[in-house]
C-alpha cells in the first residue's frame, strides 16, 4: 500500500459516496489488473485507448486497488462554489487553459508542491480520435521531471494494465514509440493503438 498525500480536512460526504460507488461499480463489473503501478511517489499515467465514458471509473477502481488516489486536470471554473471541495476531493487539479496561461507549468508546479501525485491523462486526448497522440502528458512529465507510466484498457476482456515507468529523455518520438510498443504488445488487434505506433514511428524517424 502506497502512502497517500496528507489531507488538511475531511473529504466531503459527497466525494466519499461517489468514490465508493465508482469502486463498487469497478468490482461489480469484474475488472482485472494486469501489472502494477510503480512504488514511486510521483508519476503521470498515460492511458489508451480511450473509447468509453466508463474508462474513468475503471481507472478509479484500478488505482484504488493499488492504494492510489489519482489526480486529473479540470477546467478551473469547475472549482467554484458548491463544487469546489468535491472536485478537489475527487483528485481534481484546476487548470486555466486561457491563451495567457501555461497549463503545463501549472501542473508541473502542482507536482513540485506535493509529496505524492499520480496524474491520469488520456494519451489520445478524447474518445473522438482514431488514435492520435496529444503531447500534453509528455510535456507535463518532462517539465515535472517525473516518469510516464503507460496504461492500457481492454473493455472486451475487462482488463486494465500498467507498464513500466518511462522517464522522458527529451527524444519525444523515441519515447512515444516505447509507450506505443508496450501498448501494442498488450492490444495487438487494436487499430487505435496501431495508429499510435505508426505516428510514433513517423515522429521518431523525423527526429522528433
N, C-alpha and C. Protein backbone atom coordinates (compact mmCIF):
# COMPACT_ATOMS: atom_id res chain seq x y z
N UNK A 1 0.85 -1.19 0.00
CA UNK A 1 0.00 0.00 0.00
C UNK A 1 0.88 1.24 0.00
N UNK A 2 0.65 2.12 -0.96
CA UNK A 2 1.47 3.33 -1.06
C UNK A 2 0.90 4.42 -0.15
N UNK A 3 1.77 5.29 0.42
CA UNK A 3 1.27 6.35 1.31
C UNK A 3 0.46 7.37 0.53
N UNK A 4 -0.62 7.81 1.12
CA UNK A 4 -1.45 8.83 0.49
C UNK A 4 -0.95 10.22 0.93
N UNK A 5 -1.29 11.22 0.09
CA UNK A 5 -0.87 12.57 0.45
C UNK A 5 -1.65 13.04 1.67
N UNK A 6 -1.04 13.88 2.46
CA UNK A 6 -1.65 14.37 3.69
C UNK A 6 -2.86 15.23 3.40
N UNK A 7 -3.93 15.02 4.12
CA UNK A 7 -5.12 15.83 3.99
C UNK A 7 -5.20 16.81 5.16
N UNK A 8 -5.73 18.00 4.89
CA UNK A 8 -5.85 19.01 5.92
C UNK A 8 -7.30 19.19 6.37
N UNK A 9 -8.22 18.43 5.77
CA UNK A 9 -9.61 18.42 6.20
C UNK A 9 -10.21 17.10 5.75
N UNK A 10 -11.34 16.77 6.35
CA UNK A 10 -12.01 15.53 6.00
C UNK A 10 -12.67 15.68 4.63
N UNK A 11 -12.54 14.68 3.77
CA UNK A 11 -13.19 14.77 2.46
C UNK A 11 -14.70 14.94 2.60
N UNK A 12 -15.31 15.62 1.65
CA UNK A 12 -16.75 15.86 1.70
C UNK A 12 -17.50 14.53 1.64
N UNK A 13 -18.70 14.53 2.21
CA UNK A 13 -19.53 13.33 2.21
C UNK A 13 -19.85 12.90 0.78
N UNK A 14 -20.14 13.87 -0.09
CA UNK A 14 -20.48 13.55 -1.47
C UNK A 14 -19.31 12.86 -2.18
N UNK A 15 -18.10 13.35 -1.98
CA UNK A 15 -16.95 12.73 -2.64
C UNK A 15 -16.71 11.33 -2.13
N UNK A 16 -16.93 11.11 -0.83
CA UNK A 16 -16.74 9.76 -0.28
C UNK A 16 -17.78 8.78 -0.84
N UNK A 17 -19.01 9.26 -0.98
CA UNK A 17 -20.07 8.40 -1.53
C UNK A 17 -19.79 8.08 -2.99
N UNK A 18 -19.43 9.10 -3.77
CA UNK A 18 -19.18 8.90 -5.20
C UNK A 18 -18.01 7.96 -5.41
N UNK A 19 -16.93 8.15 -4.64
CA UNK A 19 -15.77 7.28 -4.80
C UNK A 19 -16.12 5.82 -4.47
N UNK A 20 -16.90 5.61 -3.42
CA UNK A 20 -17.30 4.24 -3.07
C UNK A 20 -18.16 3.62 -4.16
N UNK A 21 -19.04 4.42 -4.76
CA UNK A 21 -19.89 3.92 -5.85
C UNK A 21 -19.04 3.53 -7.05
N UNK A 22 -18.07 4.37 -7.40
CA UNK A 22 -17.21 4.09 -8.55
C UNK A 22 -16.39 2.81 -8.33
N UNK A 23 -15.85 2.66 -7.13
CA UNK A 23 -15.07 1.46 -6.83
C UNK A 23 -15.96 0.23 -6.82
N UNK A 24 -17.19 0.37 -6.30
CA UNK A 24 -18.13 -0.75 -6.29
C UNK A 24 -18.51 -1.16 -7.71
N UNK A 25 -18.69 -0.18 -8.60
CA UNK A 25 -19.01 -0.48 -10.00
C UNK A 25 -17.86 -1.22 -10.67
N UNK A 26 -16.64 -0.78 -10.39
CA UNK A 26 -15.46 -1.44 -10.95
C UNK A 26 -15.40 -2.91 -10.52
N UNK A 27 -15.64 -3.16 -9.25
CA UNK A 27 -15.59 -4.54 -8.74
C UNK A 27 -16.77 -5.36 -9.23
N UNK A 28 -17.94 -4.74 -9.32
CA UNK A 28 -19.13 -5.44 -9.78
C UNK A 28 -18.98 -5.89 -11.23
N UNK A 29 -18.32 -5.06 -12.04
CA UNK A 29 -18.09 -5.40 -13.45
C UNK A 29 -17.08 -6.53 -13.61
N UNK A 30 -16.32 -6.81 -12.55
CA UNK A 30 -15.38 -7.92 -12.60
C UNK A 30 -14.08 -7.61 -13.32
N UNK A 31 -13.65 -6.36 -13.26
CA UNK A 31 -12.41 -5.97 -13.95
C UNK A 31 -11.20 -6.57 -13.24
N UNK A 32 -10.16 -6.82 -14.04
CA UNK A 32 -8.91 -7.38 -13.52
C UNK A 32 -7.74 -6.47 -13.86
N UNK A 33 -6.70 -6.59 -13.06
CA UNK A 33 -5.48 -5.81 -13.27
C UNK A 33 -4.40 -6.66 -13.92
N UNK A 34 -3.66 -6.05 -14.82
CA UNK A 34 -2.50 -6.69 -15.44
C UNK A 34 -1.32 -5.75 -15.21
N UNK A 35 -0.42 -6.11 -14.31
CA UNK A 35 0.69 -5.23 -13.97
C UNK A 35 0.31 -4.29 -12.83
N UNK A 36 1.31 -3.69 -12.24
CA UNK A 36 1.09 -2.84 -11.07
C UNK A 36 1.75 -1.48 -11.27
N UNK A 37 1.24 -0.52 -10.52
CA UNK A 37 1.84 0.81 -10.55
C UNK A 37 3.18 0.77 -9.83
N UNK A 38 4.12 1.60 -10.25
CA UNK A 38 5.44 1.60 -9.60
C UNK A 38 5.38 2.16 -8.19
N UNK A 39 6.27 1.70 -7.36
CA UNK A 39 6.32 2.17 -5.97
C UNK A 39 7.20 3.41 -5.90
N UNK A 40 6.72 4.47 -6.54
CA UNK A 40 7.42 5.76 -6.56
C UNK A 40 6.39 6.83 -6.23
N UNK A 41 6.83 7.98 -5.72
CA UNK A 41 5.87 8.96 -5.21
C UNK A 41 5.11 9.76 -6.27
N UNK A 42 5.73 10.01 -7.43
CA UNK A 42 5.10 10.88 -8.41
C UNK A 42 5.27 10.32 -9.82
N UNK A 43 4.20 10.38 -10.61
CA UNK A 43 4.28 9.93 -11.99
C UNK A 43 3.02 10.36 -12.74
N UNK A 44 3.12 10.31 -14.07
CA UNK A 44 1.98 10.57 -14.95
C UNK A 44 1.54 9.23 -15.53
N UNK A 45 0.25 8.93 -15.44
CA UNK A 45 -0.31 7.73 -16.06
C UNK A 45 -0.91 8.14 -17.40
N UNK A 46 -0.35 7.63 -18.49
CA UNK A 46 -0.84 7.93 -19.83
C UNK A 46 -1.62 6.73 -20.34
N UNK A 47 -2.95 6.86 -20.44
CA UNK A 47 -3.80 5.73 -20.79
C UNK A 47 -4.30 5.76 -22.22
N UNK A 48 -4.48 4.57 -22.81
CA UNK A 48 -5.05 4.42 -24.14
C UNK A 48 -5.48 2.95 -24.32
N UNK A 49 -6.40 2.65 -25.20
CA UNK A 49 -7.21 3.61 -25.95
C UNK A 49 -8.37 4.13 -25.10
N UNK A 50 -8.76 5.39 -25.33
CA UNK A 50 -9.85 6.00 -24.59
C UNK A 50 -11.10 5.92 -25.45
N UNK A 51 -11.91 4.89 -25.23
CA UNK A 51 -13.06 4.62 -26.09
C UNK A 51 -14.40 4.65 -25.37
N UNK A 52 -14.38 4.81 -24.05
CA UNK A 52 -15.63 4.72 -23.29
C UNK A 52 -15.65 5.72 -22.15
N UNK A 53 -16.87 6.20 -21.83
CA UNK A 53 -17.02 7.08 -20.66
C UNK A 53 -16.77 6.31 -19.37
N UNK A 54 -16.76 4.97 -19.45
CA UNK A 54 -16.50 4.15 -18.28
C UNK A 54 -15.02 4.12 -17.91
N UNK A 55 -14.16 4.58 -18.81
CA UNK A 55 -12.73 4.48 -18.57
C UNK A 55 -12.31 5.11 -17.25
N UNK A 56 -12.90 6.28 -16.93
CA UNK A 56 -12.54 6.96 -15.68
C UNK A 56 -12.90 6.09 -14.48
N UNK A 57 -14.07 5.44 -14.54
CA UNK A 57 -14.49 4.56 -13.43
C UNK A 57 -13.50 3.42 -13.26
N UNK A 58 -13.08 2.83 -14.38
CA UNK A 58 -12.14 1.72 -14.30
C UNK A 58 -10.81 2.16 -13.71
N UNK A 59 -10.35 3.37 -14.08
CA UNK A 59 -9.09 3.86 -13.54
C UNK A 59 -9.20 4.16 -12.05
N UNK A 60 -10.33 4.69 -11.62
CA UNK A 60 -10.54 4.94 -10.18
C UNK A 60 -10.48 3.63 -9.42
N UNK A 61 -11.15 2.60 -9.94
CA UNK A 61 -11.15 1.30 -9.27
C UNK A 61 -9.78 0.65 -9.26
N UNK A 62 -9.10 0.68 -10.41
CA UNK A 62 -7.78 0.05 -10.51
C UNK A 62 -6.75 0.73 -9.62
N UNK A 63 -6.76 2.06 -9.60
CA UNK A 63 -5.80 2.78 -8.76
C UNK A 63 -6.12 2.60 -7.29
N UNK A 64 -7.41 2.44 -6.97
CA UNK A 64 -7.79 2.18 -5.57
C UNK A 64 -7.21 0.85 -5.12
N UNK A 65 -7.24 -0.16 -6.01
CA UNK A 65 -6.64 -1.45 -5.67
C UNK A 65 -5.14 -1.31 -5.42
N UNK A 66 -4.52 -0.34 -6.07
CA UNK A 66 -3.09 -0.12 -5.92
C UNK A 66 -2.77 0.85 -4.78
N UNK A 67 -3.79 1.31 -4.06
CA UNK A 67 -3.57 2.20 -2.93
C UNK A 67 -3.30 3.64 -3.33
N UNK A 68 -3.78 4.04 -4.52
CA UNK A 68 -3.52 5.38 -5.04
C UNK A 68 -4.83 6.11 -5.27
N UNK A 69 -4.86 7.39 -4.94
CA UNK A 69 -5.98 8.25 -5.29
C UNK A 69 -5.52 9.12 -6.46
N UNK A 70 -5.97 8.82 -7.68
CA UNK A 70 -5.45 9.52 -8.85
C UNK A 70 -5.90 10.97 -8.94
N UNK A 71 -5.09 11.77 -9.60
CA UNK A 71 -5.41 13.16 -9.87
C UNK A 71 -5.78 13.32 -11.34
N UNK A 72 -6.55 14.35 -11.63
CA UNK A 72 -6.91 14.64 -13.00
C UNK A 72 -7.01 16.16 -13.17
N UNK A 73 -6.89 16.61 -14.40
CA UNK A 73 -6.98 18.03 -14.68
C UNK A 73 -8.42 18.41 -14.98
N UNK A 74 -8.84 19.58 -14.51
CA UNK A 74 -10.18 20.07 -14.79
C UNK A 74 -10.17 21.57 -15.01
N UNK A 75 -11.11 22.04 -15.78
CA UNK A 75 -11.21 23.48 -16.03
C UNK A 75 -11.39 24.23 -14.72
N UNK A 76 -10.65 25.30 -14.54
CA UNK A 76 -10.62 25.99 -13.25
C UNK A 76 -11.99 26.52 -12.82
N UNK A 77 -12.89 26.78 -13.79
CA UNK A 77 -14.21 27.30 -13.45
C UNK A 77 -15.08 26.26 -12.75
N UNK A 78 -14.68 24.98 -12.81
CA UNK A 78 -15.44 23.92 -12.14
C UNK A 78 -15.16 23.88 -10.64
N UNK A 79 -14.09 24.56 -10.22
CA UNK A 79 -13.66 24.51 -8.82
C UNK A 79 -14.16 25.73 -8.06
N UNK A 80 -15.43 25.98 -8.18
CA UNK A 80 -16.02 27.14 -7.53
C UNK A 80 -17.33 26.75 -6.85
N UNK A 81 -17.71 27.54 -5.86
CA UNK A 81 -18.98 27.34 -5.20
C UNK A 81 -19.11 25.98 -4.54
N UNK A 82 -20.27 25.36 -4.70
CA UNK A 82 -20.56 24.09 -4.04
C UNK A 82 -19.71 22.94 -4.58
N UNK A 83 -19.21 23.08 -5.81
CA UNK A 83 -18.42 22.01 -6.42
C UNK A 83 -16.95 22.04 -6.00
N UNK A 84 -16.50 23.10 -5.39
CA UNK A 84 -15.08 23.27 -5.12
C UNK A 84 -14.48 22.10 -4.33
N UNK A 85 -15.01 21.86 -3.13
CA UNK A 85 -14.44 20.80 -2.28
C UNK A 85 -14.60 19.43 -2.92
N UNK A 86 -15.73 19.20 -3.59
CA UNK A 86 -15.96 17.90 -4.24
C UNK A 86 -14.91 17.65 -5.31
N UNK A 87 -14.63 18.64 -6.15
CA UNK A 87 -13.66 18.48 -7.23
C UNK A 87 -12.26 18.21 -6.66
N UNK A 88 -11.88 18.95 -5.64
CA UNK A 88 -10.57 18.72 -5.03
C UNK A 88 -10.50 17.34 -4.38
N UNK A 89 -11.55 16.94 -3.70
CA UNK A 89 -11.55 15.65 -3.01
C UNK A 89 -11.51 14.47 -3.98
N UNK A 90 -12.03 14.67 -5.19
CA UNK A 90 -12.01 13.61 -6.19
C UNK A 90 -10.66 13.54 -6.92
N UNK A 91 -9.77 14.46 -6.59
CA UNK A 91 -8.44 14.45 -7.20
C UNK A 91 -8.24 15.50 -8.28
N UNK A 92 -9.19 16.40 -8.42
CA UNK A 92 -9.10 17.40 -9.46
C UNK A 92 -8.01 18.44 -9.24
N UNK A 93 -7.42 18.88 -10.33
CA UNK A 93 -6.44 19.96 -10.32
C UNK A 93 -6.97 21.06 -11.22
N UNK A 94 -7.27 22.24 -10.69
CA UNK A 94 -7.84 23.31 -11.53
C UNK A 94 -6.80 23.85 -12.50
N UNK A 95 -7.19 23.91 -13.78
CA UNK A 95 -6.28 24.36 -14.82
C UNK A 95 -6.92 25.51 -15.60
N UNK A 96 -6.18 26.59 -15.71
CA UNK A 96 -6.60 27.73 -16.53
C UNK A 96 -6.03 27.52 -17.92
N UNK A 97 -6.89 27.25 -18.88
CA UNK A 97 -6.45 26.96 -20.25
C UNK A 97 -6.57 28.18 -21.17
N UNK A 98 -6.65 29.37 -20.60
CA UNK A 98 -6.68 30.56 -21.44
C UNK A 98 -5.34 30.74 -22.14
N UNK A 99 -5.34 31.54 -23.20
CA UNK A 99 -4.14 31.70 -24.01
C UNK A 99 -2.97 32.27 -23.21
N UNK A 100 -3.28 33.04 -22.18
CA UNK A 100 -2.21 33.67 -21.39
C UNK A 100 -1.64 32.73 -20.33
N UNK A 101 -2.25 31.54 -20.16
CA UNK A 101 -1.81 30.62 -19.12
C UNK A 101 -1.07 29.43 -19.73
N UNK A 102 -0.04 28.97 -19.04
CA UNK A 102 0.72 27.80 -19.46
C UNK A 102 0.28 26.62 -18.60
N UNK A 103 -0.59 25.78 -19.14
CA UNK A 103 -1.14 24.71 -18.31
C UNK A 103 -0.09 23.68 -17.93
N UNK A 104 0.93 23.49 -18.78
CA UNK A 104 2.00 22.56 -18.44
C UNK A 104 2.73 23.04 -17.19
N UNK A 105 3.04 24.31 -17.15
CA UNK A 105 3.73 24.89 -15.99
C UNK A 105 2.85 24.81 -14.74
N UNK A 106 1.55 24.98 -14.91
CA UNK A 106 0.63 24.90 -13.77
C UNK A 106 0.66 23.50 -13.14
N UNK A 107 0.61 22.48 -13.98
CA UNK A 107 0.61 21.12 -13.45
C UNK A 107 1.97 20.74 -12.90
N UNK A 108 3.04 21.19 -13.56
CA UNK A 108 4.39 20.93 -13.04
C UNK A 108 4.56 21.54 -11.66
N UNK A 109 4.00 22.74 -11.46
CA UNK A 109 4.08 23.38 -10.16
C UNK A 109 3.31 22.59 -9.10
N UNK A 110 2.20 21.98 -9.50
CA UNK A 110 1.43 21.14 -8.57
C UNK A 110 2.22 19.89 -8.19
N UNK A 111 2.91 19.31 -9.15
CA UNK A 111 3.78 18.16 -8.85
C UNK A 111 4.85 18.58 -7.83
N UNK A 112 5.45 19.75 -8.02
CA UNK A 112 6.51 20.21 -7.13
C UNK A 112 5.98 20.48 -5.72
N UNK A 113 4.71 20.88 -5.63
CA UNK A 113 4.13 21.23 -4.34
C UNK A 113 3.80 19.99 -3.51
N UNK A 114 3.52 18.88 -4.15
CA UNK A 114 3.05 17.69 -3.45
C UNK A 114 4.17 16.67 -3.20
N UNK A 115 3.95 15.85 -2.18
CA UNK A 115 4.88 14.75 -1.90
C UNK A 115 4.54 13.52 -2.73
N UNK A 116 3.23 13.34 -3.04
CA UNK A 116 2.78 12.19 -3.83
C UNK A 116 1.73 12.66 -4.83
N UNK A 117 1.84 12.17 -6.05
CA UNK A 117 0.86 12.55 -7.06
C UNK A 117 0.92 11.59 -8.24
N UNK A 118 -0.25 11.06 -8.61
CA UNK A 118 -0.38 10.20 -9.79
C UNK A 118 -1.43 10.84 -10.69
N UNK A 119 -0.97 11.48 -11.75
CA UNK A 119 -1.85 12.22 -12.64
C UNK A 119 -2.27 11.35 -13.81
N UNK A 120 -3.58 11.16 -14.00
CA UNK A 120 -4.11 10.34 -15.09
C UNK A 120 -4.47 11.24 -16.27
N UNK A 121 -3.95 10.91 -17.45
CA UNK A 121 -4.23 11.66 -18.67
C UNK A 121 -4.47 10.67 -19.80
N UNK A 122 -5.47 10.94 -20.63
CA UNK A 122 -5.69 10.13 -21.83
C UNK A 122 -4.65 10.53 -22.87
N UNK A 123 -3.84 9.58 -23.31
CA UNK A 123 -2.76 9.88 -24.25
C UNK A 123 -3.29 10.40 -25.58
N UNK A 124 -4.55 10.04 -25.92
CA UNK A 124 -5.15 10.49 -27.17
C UNK A 124 -5.99 11.75 -26.99
N UNK A 125 -6.17 12.18 -25.77
CA UNK A 125 -6.93 13.39 -25.51
C UNK A 125 -8.42 13.15 -25.35
N UNK A 126 -9.09 12.53 -26.33
CA UNK A 126 -10.53 12.33 -26.26
C UNK A 126 -10.92 11.02 -26.94
N UNK A 127 -12.20 10.65 -26.78
CA UNK A 127 -12.71 9.42 -27.37
C UNK A 127 -12.98 9.56 -28.86
N UNK A 128 -13.00 10.80 -29.38
CA UNK A 128 -13.42 11.04 -30.76
C UNK A 128 -12.31 10.81 -31.78
N UNK A 129 -11.07 10.60 -31.35
CA UNK A 129 -9.99 10.38 -32.30
C UNK A 129 -9.93 8.91 -32.71
N UNK A 130 -9.17 8.64 -33.78
CA UNK A 130 -8.97 7.26 -34.21
C UNK A 130 -7.60 6.75 -33.79
N UNK A 131 -6.96 7.48 -32.89
CA UNK A 131 -5.64 7.12 -32.41
C UNK A 131 -4.62 8.17 -32.79
N UNK A 132 -4.65 9.29 -32.08
CA UNK A 132 -3.72 10.39 -32.35
C UNK A 132 -3.13 10.88 -31.04
N UNK A 133 -1.82 10.98 -30.99
CA UNK A 133 -1.16 11.42 -29.77
C UNK A 133 -1.51 12.88 -29.45
N UNK A 134 -1.70 13.15 -28.17
CA UNK A 134 -1.74 14.51 -27.65
C UNK A 134 -0.51 14.64 -26.77
N UNK A 135 0.30 15.63 -27.05
CA UNK A 135 1.63 15.70 -26.42
C UNK A 135 1.62 16.23 -24.99
N UNK A 136 0.45 16.68 -24.50
CA UNK A 136 0.41 17.30 -23.18
C UNK A 136 0.97 16.44 -22.07
N UNK A 137 0.62 15.16 -22.05
CA UNK A 137 1.08 14.29 -20.96
C UNK A 137 2.60 14.20 -20.94
N UNK A 138 3.19 14.20 -22.14
CA UNK A 138 4.66 14.09 -22.22
C UNK A 138 5.32 15.37 -21.71
N UNK A 139 4.82 16.50 -22.14
CA UNK A 139 5.42 17.77 -21.73
C UNK A 139 5.26 18.01 -20.23
N UNK A 140 4.13 17.57 -19.68
CA UNK A 140 3.92 17.70 -18.24
C UNK A 140 4.94 16.85 -17.48
N UNK A 141 5.09 15.59 -17.89
CA UNK A 141 6.05 14.70 -17.22
C UNK A 141 7.47 15.25 -17.35
N UNK A 142 7.80 15.77 -18.51
CA UNK A 142 9.14 16.32 -18.73
C UNK A 142 9.38 17.54 -17.86
N UNK A 143 8.39 18.45 -17.80
CA UNK A 143 8.54 19.66 -17.01
C UNK A 143 8.60 19.36 -15.51
N UNK A 144 7.82 18.35 -15.08
CA UNK A 144 7.77 17.99 -13.66
C UNK A 144 8.90 17.04 -13.27
N UNK A 145 9.62 16.53 -14.29
CA UNK A 145 10.72 15.57 -14.06
C UNK A 145 10.23 14.32 -13.34
N UNK A 146 9.13 13.78 -13.88
CA UNK A 146 8.57 12.55 -13.33
C UNK A 146 8.40 11.55 -14.47
N UNK A 147 8.37 10.26 -14.19
CA UNK A 147 8.21 9.25 -15.25
C UNK A 147 6.77 9.15 -15.75
N UNK A 148 6.66 8.55 -16.92
CA UNK A 148 5.35 8.25 -17.52
C UNK A 148 5.09 6.76 -17.35
N UNK A 149 3.92 6.42 -16.82
CA UNK A 149 3.51 5.02 -16.69
C UNK A 149 2.45 4.74 -17.75
N UNK A 150 2.77 3.94 -18.77
CA UNK A 150 1.76 3.63 -19.79
C UNK A 150 0.68 2.73 -19.23
N UNK A 151 -0.56 3.02 -19.59
CA UNK A 151 -1.69 2.20 -19.13
C UNK A 151 -2.58 1.88 -20.32
N UNK A 152 -3.15 0.69 -20.31
CA UNK A 152 -4.00 0.27 -21.42
C UNK A 152 -5.29 -0.32 -20.88
N UNK A 153 -6.33 -0.24 -21.70
CA UNK A 153 -7.66 -0.70 -21.30
C UNK A 153 -8.23 -1.60 -22.39
N UNK A 154 -8.78 -2.72 -21.99
CA UNK A 154 -9.49 -3.61 -22.92
C UNK A 154 -10.89 -3.84 -22.38
N UNK A 155 -11.87 -3.16 -22.96
CA UNK A 155 -13.24 -3.28 -22.48
C UNK A 155 -13.83 -4.65 -22.76
N UNK A 156 -13.40 -5.29 -23.85
CA UNK A 156 -13.94 -6.61 -24.19
C UNK A 156 -13.55 -7.66 -23.15
N UNK A 157 -12.28 -7.62 -22.72
CA UNK A 157 -11.80 -8.62 -21.75
C UNK A 157 -11.89 -8.12 -20.32
N UNK A 158 -12.29 -6.85 -20.16
CA UNK A 158 -12.39 -6.21 -18.85
C UNK A 158 -11.07 -6.31 -18.08
N UNK A 159 -10.02 -5.85 -18.75
CA UNK A 159 -8.69 -5.84 -18.17
C UNK A 159 -8.11 -4.45 -18.31
N UNK A 160 -7.46 -3.98 -17.25
CA UNK A 160 -6.74 -2.71 -17.28
C UNK A 160 -5.33 -2.98 -16.78
N UNK A 161 -4.34 -2.52 -17.53
CA UNK A 161 -2.97 -2.84 -17.16
C UNK A 161 -2.05 -1.63 -17.10
N UNK A 162 -0.97 -1.79 -16.36
CA UNK A 162 0.05 -0.76 -16.23
C UNK A 162 1.39 -1.32 -16.68
N UNK A 163 2.19 -0.46 -17.31
CA UNK A 163 3.51 -0.86 -17.76
C UNK A 163 4.61 -0.25 -16.92
N UNK A 164 5.85 -0.54 -17.27
CA UNK A 164 6.98 0.02 -16.53
C UNK A 164 7.12 1.52 -16.77
N UNK A 165 7.57 2.26 -15.77
CA UNK A 165 7.72 3.72 -15.93
C UNK A 165 8.80 4.06 -16.95
N UNK A 166 8.54 5.12 -17.72
CA UNK A 166 9.48 5.60 -18.72
C UNK A 166 9.80 7.05 -18.43
N UNK A 167 11.04 7.35 -18.16
CA UNK A 167 11.45 8.73 -17.88
C UNK A 167 11.63 9.47 -19.19
N UNK A 168 11.00 10.62 -19.37
CA UNK A 168 11.16 11.38 -20.60
C UNK A 168 12.63 11.70 -20.85
N UNK A 169 13.09 11.36 -22.05
CA UNK A 169 14.50 11.57 -22.39
C UNK A 169 14.73 12.86 -23.16
N UNK A 170 13.61 13.48 -23.60
CA UNK A 170 13.73 14.63 -24.48
C UNK A 170 13.65 14.24 -25.94
N UNK A 171 13.78 12.94 -26.22
CA UNK A 171 13.61 12.43 -27.59
C UNK A 171 12.16 11.96 -27.71
N UNK A 172 11.32 12.90 -28.03
CA UNK A 172 9.87 12.71 -27.99
C UNK A 172 9.42 11.48 -28.78
N UNK A 173 9.79 11.40 -30.04
CA UNK A 173 9.35 10.30 -30.88
C UNK A 173 9.80 8.94 -30.36
N UNK A 174 11.04 8.85 -29.89
CA UNK A 174 11.55 7.58 -29.38
C UNK A 174 10.80 7.15 -28.12
N UNK A 175 10.51 8.11 -27.27
CA UNK A 175 9.77 7.78 -26.04
C UNK A 175 8.34 7.36 -26.35
N UNK A 176 7.70 8.07 -27.30
CA UNK A 176 6.35 7.68 -27.71
C UNK A 176 6.34 6.26 -28.27
N UNK A 177 7.37 5.93 -29.03
CA UNK A 177 7.45 4.60 -29.63
C UNK A 177 7.56 3.52 -28.56
N UNK A 178 8.31 3.79 -27.49
CA UNK A 178 8.41 2.83 -26.39
C UNK A 178 7.03 2.60 -25.76
N UNK A 179 6.30 3.70 -25.56
CA UNK A 179 4.97 3.59 -24.96
C UNK A 179 4.03 2.83 -25.89
N UNK A 180 4.05 3.19 -27.18
CA UNK A 180 3.16 2.56 -28.15
C UNK A 180 3.46 1.07 -28.31
N UNK A 181 4.73 0.72 -28.33
CA UNK A 181 5.10 -0.69 -28.49
C UNK A 181 4.68 -1.51 -27.28
N UNK A 182 4.76 -0.93 -26.09
CA UNK A 182 4.26 -1.65 -24.91
C UNK A 182 2.76 -1.88 -25.04
N UNK A 183 2.01 -0.82 -25.39
CA UNK A 183 0.56 -0.95 -25.52
C UNK A 183 0.19 -1.94 -26.62
N UNK A 184 0.95 -1.93 -27.73
CA UNK A 184 0.67 -2.83 -28.84
C UNK A 184 0.92 -4.28 -28.42
N UNK A 185 1.89 -4.51 -27.53
CA UNK A 185 2.15 -5.87 -27.07
C UNK A 185 0.98 -6.42 -26.26
N UNK A 186 0.20 -5.52 -25.67
CA UNK A 186 -0.95 -5.93 -24.87
C UNK A 186 -2.24 -5.94 -25.69
N UNK A 187 -2.31 -5.06 -26.70
CA UNK A 187 -3.51 -4.94 -27.52
C UNK A 187 -3.12 -5.02 -28.99
N UNK A 188 -2.65 -6.17 -29.44
CA UNK A 188 -2.15 -6.29 -30.83
C UNK A 188 -3.21 -6.08 -31.89
N UNK A 189 -4.49 -6.23 -31.55
CA UNK A 189 -5.56 -6.10 -32.54
C UNK A 189 -6.24 -4.74 -32.52
N UNK A 190 -5.77 -3.83 -31.69
CA UNK A 190 -6.40 -2.51 -31.58
C UNK A 190 -5.88 -1.59 -32.68
N UNK A 191 -6.78 -1.15 -33.56
CA UNK A 191 -6.38 -0.26 -34.65
C UNK A 191 -5.96 1.11 -34.12
N UNK A 192 -6.59 1.55 -33.05
CA UNK A 192 -6.20 2.84 -32.46
C UNK A 192 -4.77 2.78 -31.94
N UNK A 193 -4.41 1.69 -31.29
CA UNK A 193 -3.04 1.56 -30.79
C UNK A 193 -2.07 1.43 -31.97
N UNK A 194 -2.50 0.72 -33.02
CA UNK A 194 -1.66 0.60 -34.22
C UNK A 194 -1.40 1.98 -34.83
N UNK A 195 -2.42 2.83 -34.83
CA UNK A 195 -2.25 4.19 -35.34
C UNK A 195 -1.26 4.99 -34.49
N UNK A 196 -1.36 4.81 -33.17
CA UNK A 196 -0.42 5.49 -32.27
C UNK A 196 1.01 5.03 -32.55
N UNK A 197 1.18 3.74 -32.79
CA UNK A 197 2.52 3.21 -33.07
C UNK A 197 3.06 3.77 -34.39
N UNK A 198 2.22 3.82 -35.42
CA UNK A 198 2.67 4.36 -36.70
C UNK A 198 3.06 5.83 -36.59
N UNK A 199 2.28 6.60 -35.85
CA UNK A 199 2.60 8.01 -35.68
C UNK A 199 3.92 8.18 -34.91
N UNK A 200 4.11 7.36 -33.88
CA UNK A 200 5.34 7.43 -33.10
C UNK A 200 6.55 7.10 -33.98
N UNK A 201 6.40 6.11 -34.85
CA UNK A 201 7.48 5.75 -35.77
C UNK A 201 7.80 6.91 -36.71
N UNK A 202 6.78 7.59 -37.19
CA UNK A 202 6.98 8.73 -38.08
C UNK A 202 7.68 9.88 -37.36
N UNK A 203 7.26 10.15 -36.14
CA UNK A 203 7.86 11.24 -35.37
C UNK A 203 9.31 10.92 -35.04
N UNK A 204 9.55 9.67 -34.62
CA UNK A 204 10.93 9.25 -34.31
C UNK A 204 11.80 9.30 -35.56
N UNK A 205 11.23 8.87 -36.71
CA UNK A 205 12.00 8.86 -37.93
C UNK A 205 12.34 10.24 -38.44
N UNK A 206 11.49 11.21 -38.08
CA UNK A 206 11.74 12.59 -38.49
C UNK A 206 12.66 13.32 -37.50
N UNK A 207 13.09 12.60 -36.48
CA UNK A 207 14.00 13.20 -35.49
C UNK A 207 13.28 13.98 -34.41
N UNK A 208 11.96 13.75 -34.29
CA UNK A 208 11.18 14.47 -33.30
C UNK A 208 11.27 13.85 -31.92
